[in-house]
Structure formats: C-alpha cells, structure tokens
Amino acid sequence: MTDALASLIHERLQTLEPSELDIINESHLHAGHAGAQGGASHFRVIIASKQFDGISTLARHRLVYDRVHDLMPFPIHALAIQAKTTA
C-alpha cells in the first residue's frame, strides 16, 4: 500500500507543477510508534515549485496539505514537508 500511497501523493502534488519532487516513505523509522501500529504511514516530501515563490513557509505547507488532507490521519499518519522556492 505504501508504494501506491506514495504514487497517489506524487500524483496529487503534480498540480503544484514541481521542478523537484521526492516522496520518501519513513514508516520503518517509526516502528513501534502509536501511529505505525494501525498501518498508517510516515512520509517526507521534498518539493520545489514556482508557486512557492514569494510566499511564507506556512503558506507553502498549506498548499501541500490542501492536496492530501483527506488522507490524514489514515492512511498517512505523518507528513514532513520541505517546500522550497525555485528562486
């Protein structure tokens, strides 16, 4: 499921027209964690987009969360975001 979930996250973030997009499943780092017990996944997203130019880090994160919010808290338990400008 995590490969399919990573693909779904990737697909949804394409609307931000990223020049860089890496989606890393970090679930194995959280084995034994309460969120991992129910099968929910931990992901790290590294994304760069022109749409982030000139806006705050918080606004960038909101743009990312807006595209995946319905997947939280299950099947995504945690999402770490590094949202970069292209400037």
PDB file of N, CA and C in Angstrom:
ATOM      1  N   MET A   1       0.825  -1.204   0.000  1.00  0.00           N
ATOM      2  CA  MET A   1       0.000   0.000   0.000  1.00  0.00           C
ATOM      3  C   MET A   1       0.862   1.259   0.000  1.00  0.00           C
ATOM      4  N   THR A   2       2.019   1.215   0.615  1.00  0.00           N
ATOM      5  CA  THR A   2       2.799   2.445   0.709  1.00  0.00           C
ATOM      6  C   THR A   2       3.326   2.899  -0.643  1.00  0.00           C
ATOM      7  N   ASP A   3       3.653   1.959  -1.553  1.00  0.00           N
ATOM      8  CA  ASP A   3       4.073   2.366  -2.896  1.00  0.00           C
ATOM      9  C   ASP A   3       2.918   3.037  -3.623  1.00  0.00           C
ATOM     10  N   ALA A   4       1.736   2.462  -3.496  1.00  0.00           N
ATOM     11  CA  ALA A   4       0.555   3.055  -4.117  1.00  0.00           C
ATOM     12  C   ALA A   4       0.242   4.402  -3.481  1.00  0.00           C
ATOM     13  N   LEU A   5       0.427   4.499  -2.190  1.00  0.00           N
ATOM     14  CA  LEU A   5       0.169   5.750  -1.486  1.00  0.00           C
ATOM     15  C   LEU A   5       1.175   6.821  -1.895  1.00  0.00           C
ATOM     16  N   ALA A   6       2.434   6.450  -2.017  1.00  0.00           N
ATOM     17  CA  ALA A   6       3.453   7.397  -2.483  1.00  0.00           C
ATOM     18  C   ALA A   6       3.119   7.877  -3.892  1.00  0.00           C
ATOM     19  N   SER A   7       2.643   6.976  -4.732  1.00  0.00           N
ATOM     20  CA  SER A   7       2.247   7.351  -6.095  1.00  0.00           C
ATOM     21  C   SER A   7       1.064   8.310  -6.080  1.00  0.00           C
ATOM     22  N   LEU A   8       0.125   8.074  -5.180  1.00  0.00           N
ATOM     23  CA  LEU A   8      -1.031   8.957  -5.066  1.00  0.00           C
ATOM     24  C   LEU A   8      -0.610  10.347  -4.601  1.00  0.00           C
ATOM     25  N   ILE A   9       0.270  10.421  -3.617  1.00  0.00           N
ATOM     26  CA  ILE A   9       0.783  11.712  -3.147  1.00  0.00           C
ATOM     27  C   ILE A   9       1.490  12.419  -4.297  1.00  0.00           C
ATOM     28  N   HIS A  10       2.331  11.689  -5.015  1.00  0.00           N
ATOM     29  CA  HIS A  10       3.061  12.249  -6.158  1.00  0.00           C
ATOM     30  C   HIS A  10       2.092  12.820  -7.190  1.00  0.00           C
ATOM     31  N   GLU A  11       1.069  12.057  -7.509  1.00  0.00           N
ATOM     32  CA  GLU A  11       0.068  12.489  -8.491  1.00  0.00           C
ATOM     33  C   GLU A  11      -0.634  13.766  -8.042  1.00  0.00           C
ATOM     34  N   ARG A  12      -1.036  13.816  -6.798  1.00  0.00           N
ATOM     35  CA  ARG A  12      -1.760  14.991  -6.303  1.00  0.00           C
ATOM     36  C   ARG A  12      -0.884  16.239  -6.257  1.00  0.00           C
ATOM     37  N   LEU A  13       0.389  16.070  -5.961  1.00  0.00           N
ATOM     38  CA  LEU A  13       1.282  17.229  -5.868  1.00  0.00           C
ATOM     39  C   LEU A  13       1.704  17.752  -7.235  1.00  0.00           C
ATOM     40  N   GLN A  14       1.411  17.015  -8.292  1.00  0.00           N
ATOM     41  CA  GLN A  14       1.725  17.485  -9.640  1.00  0.00           C
ATOM     42  C   GLN A  14       0.973  18.771  -9.978  1.00  0.00           C
ATOM     43  N   THR A  15      -0.133  19.032  -9.310  1.00  0.00           N
ATOM     44  CA  THR A  15      -0.878  20.271  -9.559  1.00  0.00           C
ATOM     45  C   THR A  15      -0.077  21.504  -9.156  1.00  0.00           C
ATOM     46  N   LEU A  16       0.966  21.304  -8.352  1.00  0.00           N
ATOM     47  CA  LEU A  16       1.843  22.417  -7.963  1.00  0.00           C
ATOM     48  C   LEU A  16       2.969  22.633  -8.976  1.00  0.00           C
ATOM     49  N   GLU A  17       2.975  21.828 -10.028  1.00  0.00           N
ATOM     50  CA  GLU A  17       3.975  21.924 -11.092  1.00  0.00           C
ATOM     51  C   GLU A  17       5.397  21.963 -10.524  1.00  0.00           C
ATOM     52  N   PRO A  18       5.767  20.942  -9.763  1.00  0.00           N
ATOM     53  CA  PRO A  18       7.076  20.959  -9.103  1.00  0.00           C
ATOM     54  C   PRO A  18       8.240  20.811 -10.083  1.00  0.00           C
ATOM     55  N   SER A  19       9.310  21.524  -9.788  1.00  0.00           N
ATOM     56  CA  SER A  19      10.558  21.332 -10.525  1.00  0.00           C
ATOM     57  C   SER A  19      11.395  20.254  -9.837  1.00  0.00           C
ATOM     58  N   GLU A  20      11.052  19.961  -8.601  1.00  0.00           N
ATOM     59  CA  GLU A  20      11.679  18.886  -7.823  1.00  0.00           C
ATOM     60  C   GLU A  20      10.599  18.274  -6.954  1.00  0.00           C
ATOM     61  N   LEU A  21      10.561  16.952  -6.893  1.00  0.00           N
ATOM     62  CA  LEU A  21       9.595  16.282  -6.033  1.00  0.00           C
ATOM     63  C   LEU A  21      10.137  14.918  -5.632  1.00  0.00           C
ATOM     64  N   ASP A  22      10.381  14.758  -4.351  1.00  0.00           N
ATOM     65  CA  ASP A  22      10.803  13.481  -3.786  1.00  0.00           C
ATOM     66  C   ASP A  22       9.829  13.115  -2.680  1.00  0.00           C
ATOM     67  N   ILE A  23       9.361  11.894  -2.710  1.00  0.00           N
ATOM     68  CA  ILE A  23       8.471  11.391  -1.672  1.00  0.00           C
ATOM     69  C   ILE A  23       9.155  10.178  -1.059  1.00  0.00           C
ATOM     70  N   ILE A  24       9.444  10.276   0.223  1.00  0.00           N
ATOM     71  CA  ILE A  24      10.224   9.254   0.915  1.00  0.00           C
ATOM     72  C   ILE A  24       9.359   8.627   2.004  1.00  0.00           C
ATOM     73  N   ASN A  25       9.220   7.317   1.943  1.00  0.00           N
ATOM     74  CA  ASN A  25       8.483   6.596   2.970  1.00  0.00           C
ATOM     75  C   ASN A  25       9.415   6.383   4.159  1.00  0.00           C
ATOM     76  N   GLU A  26       9.078   6.976   5.284  1.00  0.00           N
ATOM     77  CA  GLU A  26       9.889   6.861   6.500  1.00  0.00           C
ATOM     78  C   GLU A  26       9.202   6.013   7.565  1.00  0.00           C
ATOM     79  N   SER A  27       8.239   5.226   7.163  1.00  0.00           N
ATOM     80  CA  SER A  27       7.473   4.429   8.123  1.00  0.00           C
ATOM     81  C   SER A  27       8.357   3.496   8.933  1.00  0.00           C
ATOM     82  N   HIS A  28       9.389   2.938   8.301  1.00  0.00           N
ATOM     83  CA  HIS A  28      10.271   2.000   9.005  1.00  0.00           C
ATOM     84  C   HIS A  28      11.012   2.666  10.166  1.00  0.00           C
ATOM     85  N   LEU A  29      11.158   3.981  10.117  1.00  0.00           N
ATOM     86  CA  LEU A  29      11.834   4.704  11.197  1.00  0.00           C
ATOM     87  C   LEU A  29      10.942   4.871  12.428  1.00  0.00           C
ATOM     88  N   HIS A  30       9.663   4.554  12.260  1.00  0.00           N
ATOM     89  CA  HIS A  30       8.694   4.779  13.330  1.00  0.00           C
ATOM     90  C   HIS A  30       8.061   3.474  13.808  1.00  0.00           C
ATOM     91  N   ALA A  31       8.727   2.372  13.567  1.00  0.00           N
ATOM     92  CA  ALA A  31       8.214   1.080  14.024  1.00  0.00           C
ATOM     93  C   ALA A  31       7.997   1.133  15.533  1.00  0.00           C
ATOM     94  N   GLY A  32       6.843   0.680  15.966  1.00  0.00           N
ATOM     95  CA  GLY A  32       6.513   0.703  17.383  1.00  0.00           C
ATOM     96  C   GLY A  32       5.821   1.975  17.827  1.00  0.00           C
ATOM     97  N   HIS A  33       5.851   2.998  17.006  1.00  0.00           N
ATOM     98  CA  HIS A  33       5.182   4.267  17.294  1.00  0.00           C
ATOM     99  C   HIS A  33       3.673   4.043  17.208  1.00  0.00           C
ATOM    100  N   ALA A  34       2.925   4.759  18.011  1.00  0.00           N
ATOM    101  CA  ALA A  34       1.474   4.564  18.073  1.00  0.00           C
ATOM    102  C   ALA A  34       0.819   4.668  16.701  1.00  0.00           C
ATOM    103  N   GLY A  35       1.236   5.609  15.885  1.00  0.00           N
ATOM    104  CA  GLY A  35       0.635   5.777  14.566  1.00  0.00           C
ATOM    105  C   GLY A  35       0.972   4.665  13.608  1.00  0.00           C
ATOM    106  N   ALA A  36       2.098   4.016  13.817  1.00  0.00           N
ATOM    107  CA  ALA A  36       2.524   2.938  12.930  1.00  0.00           C
ATOM    108  C   ALA A  36       1.759   1.648  13.205  1.00  0.00           C
ATOM    109  N   GLN A  37       1.234   1.495  14.401  1.00  0.00           N
ATOM    110  CA  GLN A  37       0.578   0.249  14.782  1.00  0.00           C
ATOM    111  C   GLN A  37      -0.665  -0.038  13.963  1.00  0.00           C
ATOM    112  N   GLY A  38      -1.380   0.973  13.563  1.00  0.00           N
ATOM    113  CA  GLY A  38      -2.597   0.765  12.792  1.00  0.00           C
ATOM    114  C   GLY A  38      -2.355   0.680  11.299  1.00  0.00           C
ATOM    115  N   GLY A  39      -1.099   0.686  10.879  1.00  0.00           N
ATOM    116  CA  GLY A  39      -0.779   0.586   9.467  1.00  0.00           C
ATOM    117  C   GLY A  39      -0.667   1.918   8.761  1.00  0.00           C
ATOM    118  N   ALA A  40      -0.795   3.013   9.486  1.00  0.00           N
ATOM    119  CA  ALA A  40      -0.658   4.332   8.865  1.00  0.00           C
ATOM    120  C   ALA A  40       0.810   4.596   8.560  1.00  0.00           C
ATOM    121  N   SER A  41       1.053   5.408   7.553  1.00  0.00           N
ATOM    122  CA  SER A  41       2.407   5.627   7.047  1.00  0.00           C
ATOM    123  C   SER A  41       2.949   7.006   7.380  1.00  0.00           C
ATOM    124  N   HIS A  42       4.273   7.073   7.434  1.00  0.00           N
ATOM    125  CA  HIS A  42       5.006   8.323   7.646  1.00  0.00           C
ATOM    126  C   HIS A  42       5.752   8.650   6.356  1.00  0.00           C
ATOM    127  N   PHE A  43       5.558   9.853   5.841  1.00  0.00           N
ATOM    128  CA  PHE A  43       6.230  10.264   4.613  1.00  0.00           C
ATOM    129  C   PHE A  43       6.950  11.586   4.804  1.00  0.00           C
ATOM    130  N   ARG A  44       8.015  11.761   4.016  1.00  0.00           N
ATOM    131  CA  ARG A  44       8.716  13.040   3.905  1.00  0.00           C
ATOM    132  C   ARG A  44       8.572  13.482   2.455  1.00  0.00           C
ATOM    133  N   VAL A  45       8.153  14.732   2.264  1.00  0.00           N
ATOM    134  CA  VAL A  45       8.011  15.303   0.929  1.00  0.00           C
ATOM    135  C   VAL A  45       9.010  16.444   0.788  1.00  0.00           C
ATOM    136  N   ILE A  46       9.807  16.372  -0.254  1.00  0.00           N
ATOM    137  CA  ILE A  46      10.712  17.461  -0.615  1.00  0.00           C
ATOM    138  C   ILE A  46      10.229  17.958  -1.966  1.00  0.00           C
ATOM    139  N   ILE A  47       9.822  19.218  -2.004  1.00  0.00           N
ATOM    140  CA  ILE A  47       9.207  19.753  -3.209  1.00  0.00           C
ATOM    141  C   ILE A  47       9.682  21.180  -3.451  1.00  0.00           C
ATOM    142  N   ALA A  48       9.923  21.504  -4.711  1.00  0.00           N
ATOM    143  CA  ALA A  48      10.240  22.875  -5.120  1.00  0.00           C
ATOM    144  C   ALA A  48       9.264  23.248  -6.227  1.00  0.00           C
ATOM    145  N   SER A  49       8.739  24.462  -6.144  1.00  0.00           N
ATOM    146  CA  SER A  49       7.763  24.907  -7.130  1.00  0.00           C
ATOM    147  C   SER A  49       7.801  26.422  -7.263  1.00  0.00           C
ATOM    148  N   LYS A  50       7.581  26.907  -8.470  1.00  0.00           N
ATOM    149  CA  LYS A  50       7.465  28.352  -8.684  1.00  0.00           C
ATOM    150  C   LYS A  50       6.274  28.916  -7.918  1.00  0.00           C
ATOM    151  N   GLN A  51       5.272  28.078  -7.667  1.00  0.00           N
ATOM    152  CA  GLN A  51       4.097  28.532  -6.920  1.00  0.00           C
ATOM    153  C   GLN A  51       4.444  28.898  -5.476  1.00  0.00           C
ATOM    154  N   PHE A  52       5.603  28.484  -4.997  1.00  0.00           N
ATOM    155  CA  PHE A  52       6.040  28.815  -3.645  1.00  0.00           C
ATOM    156  C   PHE A  52       6.801  30.132  -3.582  1.00  0.00           C
ATOM    157  N   ASP A  53       7.206  30.643  -4.734  1.00  0.00           N
ATOM    158  CA  ASP A  53       7.984  31.884  -4.764  1.00  0.00           C
ATOM    159  C   ASP A  53       7.174  33.035  -4.164  1.00  0.00           C
ATOM    160  N   GLY A  54       7.767  33.736  -3.218  1.00  0.00           N
ATOM    161  CA  GLY A  54       7.143  34.913  -2.633  1.00  0.00           C
ATOM    162  C   GLY A  54       6.116  34.646  -1.552  1.00  0.00           C
ATOM    163  N   ILE A  55       5.959  33.384  -1.125  1.00  0.00           N
ATOM    164  CA  ILE A  55       5.007  33.108  -0.042  1.00  0.00           C
ATOM    165  C   ILE A  55       5.747  32.473   1.142  1.00  0.00           C
ATOM    166  N   SER A  56       5.137  32.556   2.301  1.00  0.00           N
ATOM    167  CA  SER A  56       5.762  32.066   3.532  1.00  0.00           C
ATOM    168  C   SER A  56       5.845  30.537   3.549  1.00  0.00           C
ATOM    169  N   THR A  57       6.679  30.035   4.430  1.00  0.00           N
ATOM    170  CA  THR A  57       6.797  28.588   4.616  1.00  0.00           C
ATOM    171  C   THR A  57       5.452  27.992   5.011  1.00  0.00           C
ATOM    172  N   LEU A  58       4.737  28.671   5.895  1.00  0.00           N
ATOM    173  CA  LEU A  58       3.422  28.194   6.314  1.00  0.00           C
ATOM    174  C   LEU A  58       2.475  28.091   5.123  1.00  0.00           C
ATOM    175  N   ALA A  59       2.471  29.086   4.264  1.00  0.00           N
ATOM    176  CA  ALA A  59       1.607  29.069   3.082  1.00  0.00           C
ATOM    177  C   ALA A  59       1.997  27.929   2.134  1.00  0.00           C
ATOM    178  N   ARG A  60       3.277  27.667   2.008  1.00  0.00           N
ATOM    179  CA  ARG A  60       3.744  26.554   1.162  1.00  0.00           C
ATOM    180  C   ARG A  60       3.227  25.229   1.707  1.00  0.00           C
ATOM    181  N   HIS A  61       3.359  25.056   3.024  1.00  0.00           N
ATOM    182  CA  HIS A  61       2.887  23.821   3.658  1.00  0.00           C
ATOM    183  C   HIS A  61       1.383  23.666   3.473  1.00  0.00           C
ATOM    184  N   ARG A  62       0.655  24.745   3.572  1.00  0.00           N
ATOM    185  CA  ARG A  62      -0.799  24.674   3.373  1.00  0.00           C
ATOM    186  C   ARG A  62      -1.140  24.209   1.963  1.00  0.00           C
ATOM    187  N   LEU A  63      -0.388  24.690   0.977  1.00  0.00           N
ATOM    188  CA  LEU A  63      -0.629  24.260  -0.404  1.00  0.00           C
ATOM    189  C   LEU A  63      -0.420  22.752  -0.552  1.00  0.00           C
ATOM    190  N   VAL A  64       0.578  22.225   0.130  1.00  0.00           N
ATOM    191  CA  VAL A  64       0.824  20.782   0.086  1.00  0.00           C
ATOM    192  C   VAL A  64      -0.286  20.041   0.831  1.00  0.00           C
ATOM    193  N   TYR A  65      -0.570  20.452   2.061  1.00  0.00           N
ATOM    194  CA  TYR A  65      -1.606  19.783   2.856  1.00  0.00           C
ATOM    195  C   TYR A  65      -2.970  19.828   2.174  1.00  0.00           C
ATOM    196  N   ASP A  66      -3.273  20.913   1.479  1.00  0.00           N
ATOM    197  CA  ASP A  66      -4.558  21.020   0.783  1.00  0.00           C
ATOM    198  C   ASP A  66      -4.769  19.872  -0.203  1.00  0.00           C
ATOM    199  N   ARG A  67      -3.691  19.330  -0.714  1.00  0.00           N
ATOM    200  CA  ARG A  67      -3.786  18.281  -1.722  1.00  0.00           C
ATOM    201  C   ARG A  67      -3.847  16.869  -1.132  1.00  0.00           C
ATOM    202  N   VAL A  68      -3.533  16.724   0.149  1.00  0.00           N
ATOM    203  CA  VAL A  68      -3.513  15.377   0.750  1.00  0.00           C
ATOM    204  C   VAL A  68      -4.290  15.289   2.067  1.00  0.00           C
ATOM    205  N   HIS A  69      -4.955  16.354   2.456  1.00  0.00           N
ATOM    206  CA  HIS A  69      -5.597  16.396   3.782  1.00  0.00           C
ATOM    207  C   HIS A  69      -6.582  15.265   4.006  1.00  0.00           C
ATOM    208  N   ASP A  70      -7.237  14.799   2.961  1.00  0.00           N
ATOM    209  CA  ASP A  70      -8.222  13.734   3.130  1.00  0.00           C
ATOM    210  C   ASP A  70      -7.571  12.374   3.405  1.00  0.00           C
ATOM    211  N   LEU A  71      -6.259  12.286   3.253  1.00  0.00           N
ATOM    212  CA  LEU A  71      -5.527  11.042   3.516  1.00  0.00           C
ATOM    213  C   LEU A  71      -4.979  10.990   4.938  1.00  0.00           C
ATOM    214  N   MET A  72      -5.254  12.033   5.719  1.00  0.00           N
ATOM    215  CA  MET A  72      -4.745  12.105   7.086  1.00  0.00           C
ATOM    216  C   MET A  72      -5.917  12.074   8.069  1.00  0.00           C
ATOM    217  N   PRO A  73      -5.827  11.374   9.157  1.00  0.00           N
ATOM    218  CA  PRO A  73      -4.672  10.690   9.725  1.00  0.00           C
ATOM    219  C   PRO A  73      -4.481   9.266   9.207  1.00  0.00           C
ATOM    220  N   PHE A  74      -5.349   8.799   8.324  1.00  0.00           N
ATOM    221  CA  PHE A  74      -5.151   7.474   7.744  1.00  0.00           C
ATOM    222  C   PHE A  74      -5.502   7.534   6.276  1.00  0.00           C
ATOM    223  N   PRO A  75      -4.677   7.035   5.429  1.00  0.00           N
ATOM    224  CA  PRO A  75      -3.533   6.164   5.639  1.00  0.00           C
ATOM    225  C   PRO A  75      -2.207   6.882   5.923  1.00  0.00           C
ATOM    226  N   ILE A  76      -2.189   8.218   5.879  1.00  0.00           N
ATOM    227  CA  ILE A  76      -0.968   8.945   6.239  1.00  0.00           C
ATOM    228  C   ILE A  76      -1.083   9.380   7.690  1.00  0.00           C
ATOM    229  N   HIS A  77      -0.146   8.933   8.511  1.00  0.00           N
ATOM    230  CA  HIS A  77      -0.131   9.348   9.915  1.00  0.00           C
ATOM    231  C   HIS A  77       0.669  10.633  10.092  1.00  0.00           C
ATOM    232  N   ALA A  78       1.777  10.745   9.351  1.00  0.00           N
ATOM    233  CA  ALA A  78       2.649  11.913   9.496  1.00  0.00           C
ATOM    234  C   ALA A  78       3.223  12.294   8.135  1.00  0.00           C
ATOM    235  N   LEU A  79       3.344  13.605   7.929  1.00  0.00           N
ATOM    236  CA  LEU A  79       3.885  14.126   6.683  1.00  0.00           C
ATOM    237  C   LEU A  79       4.854  15.252   7.012  1.00  0.00           C
ATOM    238  N   ALA A  80       6.134  14.997   6.779  1.00  0.00           N
ATOM    239  CA  ALA A  80       7.165  16.024   6.957  1.00  0.00           C
ATOM    240  C   ALA A  80       7.355  16.695   5.601  1.00  0.00           C
ATOM    241  N   ILE A  81       7.352  18.020   5.594  1.00  0.00           N
ATOM    242  CA  ILE A  81       7.401  18.757   4.333  1.00  0.00           C
ATOM    243  C   ILE A  81       8.598  19.693   4.305  1.00  0.00           C
ATOM    244  N   GLN A  82       9.343  19.620   3.222  1.00  0.00           N
ATOM    245  CA  GLN A  82      10.367  20.614   2.911  1.00  0.00           C
ATOM    246  C   GLN A  82       9.931  21.226   1.584  1.00  0.00           C
ATOM    247  N   ALA A  83       9.347  22.419   1.650  1.00  0.00           N
ATOM    248  CA  ALA A  83       8.806  23.094   0.471  1.00  0.00           C
ATOM    249  C   ALA A  83       9.708  24.270   0.123  1.00  0.00           C
ATOM    250  N   LYS A  84      10.337  24.187  -1.045  1.00  0.00           N
ATOM    251  CA  LYS A  84      11.351  25.166  -1.428  1.00  0.00           C
ATOM    252  C   LYS A  84      10.883  26.020  -2.604  1.00  0.00           C
ATOM    253  N   THR A  85      11.389  27.230  -2.635  1.00  0.00           N
ATOM    254  CA  THR A  85      11.145  28.098  -3.782  1.00  0.00           C
ATOM    255  C   THR A  85      12.113  27.721  -4.893  1.00  0.00           C
ATOM    256  N   THR A  86      11.859  28.235  -6.069  1.00  0.00           N
ATOM    257  CA  THR A  86      12.766  27.996  -7.188  1.00  0.00           C
ATOM    258  C   THR A  86      13.707  29.171  -7.389  1.00  0.00           C
ATOM    259  N   ALA A  87      13.475  30.249  -6.642  1.00  0.00           N
ATOM    260  CA  ALA A  87      14.300  31.455  -6.794  1.00  0.00           C
ATOM    261  C   ALA A  87      15.661  31.284  -6.161  1.00  0.00           C
TER     262      ALA A  87
END
